[in-house]
């Protein structure tokens, strides 16, 4: 069982990796053709299509850089609708330059896009469960300031962008939309639990588990990253169910998809010892072990949430699903974007 294989890695002793502040990670050859931008550059350029590289600013609360991407399909409107797309390089790699080079904006979504550049470490299960790219539980307990509270760092990026536009008398919606696929979908499912008041609509897929807004399901305690049983203790954030229920969500997968993903990174250290031995067997008995059974299980658990739509694409694999879903995702945002 792939879950058992993943979990066995968690039982080994942890080592640490050295990751300096991002300022020291920029290789000269990668950034030689880059210039650091500001929101004023975007405005002065008349919102010209392209990538605008915004440097990290610890004083403002974010230790990692991000892109603002203006797609060729961008349509100016009275209010800017900001789309946040968590970065997803597709590969685990301790070389941060590959994250910088990934440039993951999408032209088929006609919105201004904020793409945070968070690292995706090679072996997060062996490094304090640190996987900022997935918003794993390790990011809430690490002592490394640049890796800590990645969710709040993204909030700081969003606030910076909003404030800069407003200073220039440009209207921007108070709430964001979010789209992500595969690893980015894990990030979104967790971020909207932590900060539901910031999100208007979210579409995400190509993963096999959406973090549930539940403390327990059929008497099984749902620890982070599975659910919110220990959310407040771990993150210092109380779950705002009222705000969560207002988020419009579109969650999707292909039935031939079989991604191996990070549900359980650093979960062992969060489960009391007297529950740990039997916990994973109970989880598998309740939710299943295949990607499709896991998807069906969380879909059933979310059935009482009126604004959540789930969809399966029959016989499509990981890459096929992403391509097939584009029309549905775009229609979802057109229907559910704020005015």
Protein backbone atom coordinates (compact mmCIF):
# COMPACT_ATOMS: atom_id res chain seq x y z
CA UNK A 1 0.00 0.00 0.00
CA UNK A 2 1.44 3.35 -1.00
CA UNK A 3 0.27 4.96 2.26
CA UNK A 4 2.21 2.41 4.30
CA UNK A 5 5.33 3.05 2.18
CA UNK A 6 5.09 6.80 2.78
CA UNK A 7 4.47 6.31 6.49
CA UNK A 8 7.48 4.05 6.92
CA UNK A 9 9.69 6.97 5.93
CA UNK A 10 8.29 9.01 8.78
CA UNK A 11 9.49 6.54 11.39
CA UNK A 12 13.16 7.13 10.60
CA UNK A 13 15.14 9.69 12.60
CA UNK A 14 15.07 13.23 11.23
CA UNK A 15 18.03 15.09 9.86
CA UNK A 16 18.12 18.72 8.90
CA UNK A 17 19.12 20.61 5.83
CA UNK A 18 20.71 24.00 5.65
CA UNK A 19 18.56 26.54 3.85
CA UNK A 20 19.70 30.12 4.17
CA UNK A 21 17.64 33.23 3.70
CA UNK A 22 16.54 33.36 0.05
CA UNK A 23 18.69 36.44 -0.53
CA UNK A 24 21.73 34.17 -0.29
CA UNK A 25 20.24 31.51 -2.56
CA UNK A 26 20.01 33.57 -5.74
CA UNK A 27 22.69 32.32 -8.15
CA UNK A 28 24.13 35.11 -10.27
CA UNK A 29 23.74 33.19 -13.51
CA UNK A 30 20.01 32.70 -12.88
CA UNK A 31 19.17 36.26 -11.96
CA UNK A 32 21.53 38.08 -14.33
CA UNK A 33 18.64 38.73 -16.70
CA UNK A 34 16.16 39.53 -13.92
CA UNK A 35 15.33 42.91 -12.53
CA UNK A 36 13.49 43.36 -9.29
CA UNK A 37 10.12 44.97 -9.88
CA UNK A 38 7.51 46.89 -7.95
CA UNK A 39 3.78 47.25 -8.46
CA UNK A 40 4.54 50.72 -9.84
CA UNK A 41 6.52 49.07 -12.66
CA UNK A 42 3.43 47.07 -13.59
CA UNK A 43 1.25 50.16 -13.60
CA UNK A 44 3.82 52.25 -15.51
CA UNK A 45 4.02 49.49 -18.13
CA UNK A 46 0.27 49.65 -18.63
CA UNK A 47 -0.20 46.12 -17.26
CA UNK A 48 1.83 44.79 -20.15
CA UNK A 49 1.79 40.95 -20.30
CA UNK A 50 4.70 39.18 -18.65
CA UNK A 51 6.33 38.22 -15.38
CA UNK A 52 7.18 40.83 -12.76
CA UNK A 53 9.61 39.56 -10.15
CA UNK A 54 8.99 40.97 -6.65
CA UNK A 55 11.84 40.54 -4.19
CA UNK A 56 11.29 39.15 -0.69
CA UNK A 57 10.72 41.71 2.05
CA UNK A 58 11.04 40.34 5.61
CA UNK A 59 10.11 43.76 7.03
CA UNK A 60 6.69 43.36 5.38
CA UNK A 61 6.39 39.74 6.51
CA UNK A 62 7.50 37.61 3.53
CA UNK A 63 10.89 35.92 3.31
CA UNK A 64 10.44 34.56 -0.20
CA UNK A 65 9.98 36.37 -3.52
CA UNK A 66 6.98 36.10 -5.80
CA UNK A 67 5.88 36.80 -9.34
CA UNK A 68 3.05 38.96 -10.52
CA UNK A 69 2.07 37.51 -13.88
CA UNK A 70 -0.04 39.40 -16.39
CA UNK A 71 -1.37 36.85 -18.91
CA UNK A 72 -1.91 37.71 -22.55
CA UNK A 73 -5.60 36.98 -21.97
CA UNK A 74 -5.87 39.56 -19.17
CA UNK A 75 -8.98 41.71 -19.50
CA UNK A 76 -8.96 44.98 -17.59
CA UNK A 77 -11.98 45.55 -15.39
CA UNK A 78 -13.21 48.13 -12.92
CA UNK A 79 -11.90 46.05 -10.02
CA UNK A 80 -8.81 43.86 -10.23
CA UNK A 81 -9.59 40.23 -9.45
CA UNK A 82 -6.40 38.81 -7.97
CA UNK A 83 -5.73 35.13 -8.68
CA UNK A 84 -3.25 33.35 -6.39
CA UNK A 85 -1.55 30.30 -7.92
CA UNK A 86 0.76 28.48 -5.47
CA UNK A 87 3.97 27.48 -7.22
CA UNK A 88 4.44 23.87 -8.30
CA UNK A 89 7.71 22.95 -9.98
CA UNK A 90 6.68 19.31 -10.26
CA UNK A 91 10.02 18.19 -8.82
CA UNK A 92 11.50 18.10 -5.33
CA UNK A 93 14.72 20.03 -5.41
CA UNK A 94 16.83 21.84 -2.82
CA UNK A 95 18.13 24.16 -5.56
CA UNK A 96 16.00 27.27 -5.23
CA UNK A 97 17.08 28.58 -8.62
CA UNK A 98 14.83 25.96 -10.23
CA UNK A 99 11.86 27.45 -8.38
CA UNK A 100 12.75 30.90 -9.70
CA UNK A 101 13.02 29.58 -13.24
CA UNK A 102 9.75 27.65 -13.15
CA UNK A 103 7.50 30.60 -14.15
CA UNK A 104 4.13 28.97 -13.64
CA UNK A 105 1.59 31.56 -14.72
CA UNK A 106 -1.28 30.37 -16.92
CA UNK A 107 -2.54 32.20 -19.98
CA UNK A 108 -5.97 30.60 -19.99
CA UNK A 109 -7.00 32.37 -16.77
CA UNK A 110 -7.55 36.06 -17.66
CA UNK A 111 -6.67 37.45 -14.24
CA UNK A 112 -3.65 39.11 -12.66
CA UNK A 113 -1.80 36.26 -10.95
CA UNK A 114 0.29 36.23 -7.77
CA UNK A 115 2.66 33.24 -7.74
CA UNK A 116 4.61 32.82 -4.48
CA UNK A 117 8.03 31.19 -4.85
CA UNK A 118 8.18 28.78 -1.93
CA UNK A 119 10.81 26.01 -1.83
CA UNK A 120 9.99 22.36 -2.49
CA UNK A 121 12.57 20.35 -0.57
CA UNK A 122 13.91 17.06 -1.84
CA UNK A 123 13.11 14.99 1.28
CA UNK A 124 10.62 16.86 3.46
CA UNK A 125 9.70 13.73 5.42
CA UNK A 126 13.32 13.57 6.60
CA UNK A 127 13.65 17.27 7.41
CA UNK A 128 11.30 18.18 10.23
CA UNK A 129 8.39 17.54 7.90
CA UNK A 130 9.26 20.84 6.24
CA UNK A 131 7.46 21.24 2.95
CA UNK A 132 6.52 24.92 2.48
CA UNK A 133 5.33 24.08 -1.02
CA UNK A 134 2.61 21.89 0.52
CA UNK A 135 1.99 24.02 3.63
CA UNK A 136 2.82 20.98 5.73
CA UNK A 137 2.61 20.94 9.52
CA UNK A 138 6.38 21.30 9.81
CA UNK A 139 6.12 24.91 8.67
CA UNK A 140 4.27 25.78 11.88
CA UNK A 141 6.75 24.22 14.31
CA UNK A 142 10.15 24.91 12.72
CA UNK A 143 12.50 27.42 14.30
CA UNK A 144 13.76 28.56 10.90
CA UNK A 145 12.15 31.95 10.57
CA UNK A 146 12.16 31.99 6.76
CA UNK A 147 10.30 28.64 6.67
CA UNK A 148 7.81 29.43 9.43
CA UNK A 149 4.16 30.36 8.95
CA UNK A 150 4.26 30.16 5.16
CA UNK A 151 0.52 30.81 5.08
CA UNK A 152 0.99 34.16 6.80
CA UNK A 153 3.86 34.99 4.48
CA UNK A 154 1.47 34.53 1.56
CA UNK A 155 -1.08 36.74 3.31
CA UNK A 156 1.63 39.41 3.64
CA UNK A 157 2.37 39.17 -0.09
CA UNK A 158 -1.33 39.56 -0.87
CA UNK A 159 -1.63 42.55 1.48
CA UNK A 160 1.41 44.19 -0.10
CA UNK A 161 -0.05 43.86 -3.60
CA UNK A 162 -3.47 45.14 -2.55
CA UNK A 163 -2.00 48.11 -0.71
CA UNK A 164 0.26 49.09 -3.60
CA UNK A 165 -2.62 49.07 -6.07
CA UNK A 166 -4.83 51.04 -3.72
CA UNK A 167 -2.11 53.63 -3.08
CA UNK A 168 -2.17 54.17 -6.85
CA UNK A 169 -5.97 54.59 -6.77
CA UNK A 170 -6.57 51.26 -8.52
CA UNK A 171 -9.46 49.20 -7.19
CA UNK A 172 -8.80 45.60 -6.25
CA UNK A 173 -11.26 43.11 -4.81
CA UNK A 174 -10.95 42.47 -1.11
CA UNK A 175 -11.02 38.69 -1.59
CA UNK A 176 -8.76 36.55 -3.75
CA UNK A 177 -9.43 33.59 -6.03
CA UNK A 178 -7.11 30.58 -6.01
CA UNK A 179 -6.24 27.91 -8.56
CA UNK A 180 -3.78 25.06 -8.30
CA UNK A 181 -3.10 21.57 -9.55
CA UNK A 182 -1.32 18.59 -7.99
CA UNK A 183 1.05 19.86 -5.27
CA UNK A 184 -0.51 23.33 -5.46
CA UNK A 185 -3.91 21.79 -4.72
CA UNK A 186 -2.66 20.47 -1.38
CA UNK A 187 -1.50 23.98 -0.50
CA UNK A 188 -4.86 25.53 -1.41
CA UNK A 189 -6.94 23.01 0.52
CA UNK A 190 -4.96 23.91 3.65
CA UNK A 191 -4.73 27.66 3.07
CA UNK A 192 -8.51 28.05 2.73
CA UNK A 193 -8.92 26.26 6.06
CA UNK A 194 -6.48 28.68 7.71
CA UNK A 195 -7.66 31.90 6.03
CA UNK A 196 -11.18 31.38 4.64
CA UNK A 197 -12.10 35.02 5.18
CA UNK A 198 -9.63 36.02 2.43
CA UNK A 199 -10.91 33.70 -0.30
CA UNK A 200 -13.84 34.17 -2.64
CA UNK A 201 -13.45 31.07 -4.83
CA UNK A 202 -10.95 28.23 -5.23
CA UNK A 203 -10.54 25.56 -7.91
CA UNK A 204 -7.99 22.82 -7.40
CA UNK A 205 -7.38 19.24 -8.46
CA UNK A 206 -4.96 16.44 -9.29
CA UNK A 207 -4.50 15.58 -5.64
CA UNK A 208 -6.21 12.81 -3.74
CA UNK A 209 -6.98 14.44 -0.42
CA UNK A 210 -8.60 17.74 0.49
CA UNK A 211 -8.07 18.82 4.07
CA UNK A 212 -11.42 18.41 5.78
CA UNK A 213 -13.01 21.21 7.85
CA UNK A 214 -13.79 18.61 10.52
CA UNK A 215 -12.25 17.66 13.84
CA UNK A 216 -13.52 14.09 13.65
CA UNK A 217 -15.10 11.85 11.06
CA UNK A 218 -16.91 8.71 12.21
CA UNK A 219 -15.04 8.90 15.52
CA UNK A 220 -11.58 9.22 13.93
CA UNK A 221 -9.70 12.33 15.02
CA UNK A 222 -8.55 14.22 11.96
CA UNK A 223 -5.15 15.73 12.68
CA UNK A 224 -3.52 18.33 10.43
CA UNK A 225 -2.94 17.73 7.41
CA UNK A 226 -6.06 15.53 7.30
CA UNK A 227 -8.45 17.76 9.24
CA UNK A 228 -8.63 20.39 11.95
CA UNK A 229 -8.61 18.43 15.23
CA UNK A 230 -5.36 20.07 16.39
CA UNK A 231 -5.51 23.16 14.18
CA UNK A 232 -5.66 25.79 16.90
CA UNK A 233 -2.91 24.18 19.00
CA UNK A 234 -0.60 23.73 16.00
CA UNK A 235 -1.11 27.02 14.17
CA UNK A 236 -2.61 29.41 16.70
CA UNK A 237 -5.49 29.88 14.26
CA UNK A 238 -9.08 29.04 15.13
CA UNK A 239 -11.19 27.62 12.32
CA UNK A 240 -13.75 30.09 10.94
CA UNK A 241 -16.41 27.72 9.68
CA UNK A 242 -18.85 30.47 8.71
CA UNK A 243 -16.28 32.05 6.38
CA UNK A 244 -15.22 28.64 5.02
CA UNK A 245 -18.79 27.77 4.07
CA UNK A 246 -18.98 30.91 1.93
CA UNK A 247 -16.02 29.91 -0.29
CA UNK A 248 -17.06 28.59 -3.68
CA UNK A 249 -14.96 25.51 -4.43
CA UNK A 250 -14.44 23.27 -7.46
CA UNK A 251 -12.42 20.13 -6.65
CA UNK A 252 -11.54 17.59 -9.33
CA UNK A 253 -9.46 14.55 -10.29
CA UNK A 254 -9.07 11.95 -13.06
CA UNK A 255 -10.00 8.38 -12.21
CA UNK A 256 -6.78 7.10 -13.82
CA UNK A 257 -4.72 9.53 -11.72
CA UNK A 258 -2.57 7.98 -9.05
CA UNK A 259 -0.40 10.70 -7.49
CA UNK A 260 1.76 9.88 -4.49
CA UNK A 261 1.44 12.89 -2.24
CA UNK A 262 2.16 14.33 1.20
CA UNK A 263 -0.92 13.68 3.35
CA UNK A 264 1.10 12.38 6.25
CA UNK A 265 4.30 14.45 6.25
CA UNK A 266 5.25 15.04 9.91
CA UNK A 267 1.93 13.61 11.09
CA UNK A 268 3.58 11.07 13.41
CA UNK A 269 4.87 13.74 15.76
CA UNK A 270 1.36 15.22 16.07
CA UNK A 271 -0.46 12.01 17.04
CA UNK A 272 -0.27 10.93 20.70
CA UNK A 273 1.72 7.72 21.13
CA UNK A 274 -1.23 5.77 22.47
CA UNK A 275 -3.13 6.45 19.22
CA UNK A 276 -0.30 6.16 16.75
CA UNK A 277 0.02 2.39 16.23
CA UNK A 278 -3.57 1.89 15.17
CA UNK A 279 -4.22 5.28 13.57
CA UNK A 280 -3.20 4.54 10.01
CA UNK A 281 -5.08 1.25 9.86
CA UNK A 282 -8.20 3.06 11.04
CA UNK A 283 -7.65 5.76 8.42
CA UNK A 284 -7.27 3.21 5.62
CA UNK A 285 -10.31 1.24 6.74
CA UNK A 286 -12.39 4.42 6.80
CA UNK A 287 -11.16 6.22 3.68
CA UNK A 288 -9.54 3.52 1.55
CA UNK A 289 -6.07 3.34 0.01
CA UNK A 290 -6.46 4.27 -3.66
CA UNK A 291 -6.53 7.81 -4.99
CA UNK A 292 -10.10 7.38 -6.19
CA UNK A 293 -11.36 5.95 -2.89
CA UNK A 294 -9.70 8.80 -0.98
CA UNK A 295 -11.28 11.34 -3.33
CA UNK A 296 -14.70 9.71 -2.95
CA UNK A 297 -14.33 9.63 0.84
CA UNK A 298 -13.57 13.31 1.31
CA UNK A 299 -16.29 14.14 -1.24
CA UNK A 300 -18.77 12.30 0.95
CA UNK A 301 -17.47 14.06 4.06
CA UNK A 302 -18.02 17.46 2.39
CA UNK A 303 -21.55 16.75 1.19
CA UNK A 304 -23.13 19.21 3.62
CA UNK A 305 -21.11 22.14 2.25
CA UNK A 306 -23.38 23.74 -0.34
CA UNK A 307 -20.77 25.76 -2.25
CA UNK A 308 -18.43 22.83 -2.90
CA UNK A 309 -18.58 21.01 -6.25
CA UNK A 310 -16.54 17.85 -6.86
CA UNK A 311 -15.98 16.24 -10.23
CA UNK A 312 -14.23 13.13 -11.53
CA UNK A 313 -12.95 12.87 -15.10
CA UNK A 314 -13.32 9.25 -16.15
CA UNK A 315 -10.24 7.33 -17.32
CA UNK A 316 -7.97 10.39 -17.40
CA UNK A 317 -4.47 10.41 -15.93
CA UNK A 318 -2.67 13.22 -14.13
CA UNK A 319 -1.68 15.36 -17.12
CA UNK A 320 -4.83 14.59 -19.14
CA UNK A 321 -7.07 15.75 -16.29
CA UNK A 322 -5.29 19.09 -15.99
CA UNK A 323 -5.85 19.79 -19.69
CA UNK A 324 -9.45 18.56 -19.75
CA UNK A 325 -10.47 20.58 -16.69
CA UNK A 326 -9.36 23.97 -18.01
CA UNK A 327 -12.72 24.79 -19.61
CA UNK A 328 -14.59 23.84 -16.44
CA UNK A 329 -12.20 25.80 -14.22
CA UNK A 330 -12.47 28.93 -16.34
CA UNK A 331 -16.29 28.67 -16.41
CA UNK A 332 -16.26 28.23 -12.63
CA UNK A 333 -14.30 31.44 -12.07
CA UNK A 334 -16.34 33.45 -14.57
CA UNK A 335 -19.48 32.36 -12.72
CA UNK A 336 -18.11 32.86 -9.22
CA UNK A 337 -15.73 35.83 -9.42
CA UNK A 338 -16.64 38.88 -7.40
CA UNK A 339 -17.85 41.89 -9.38
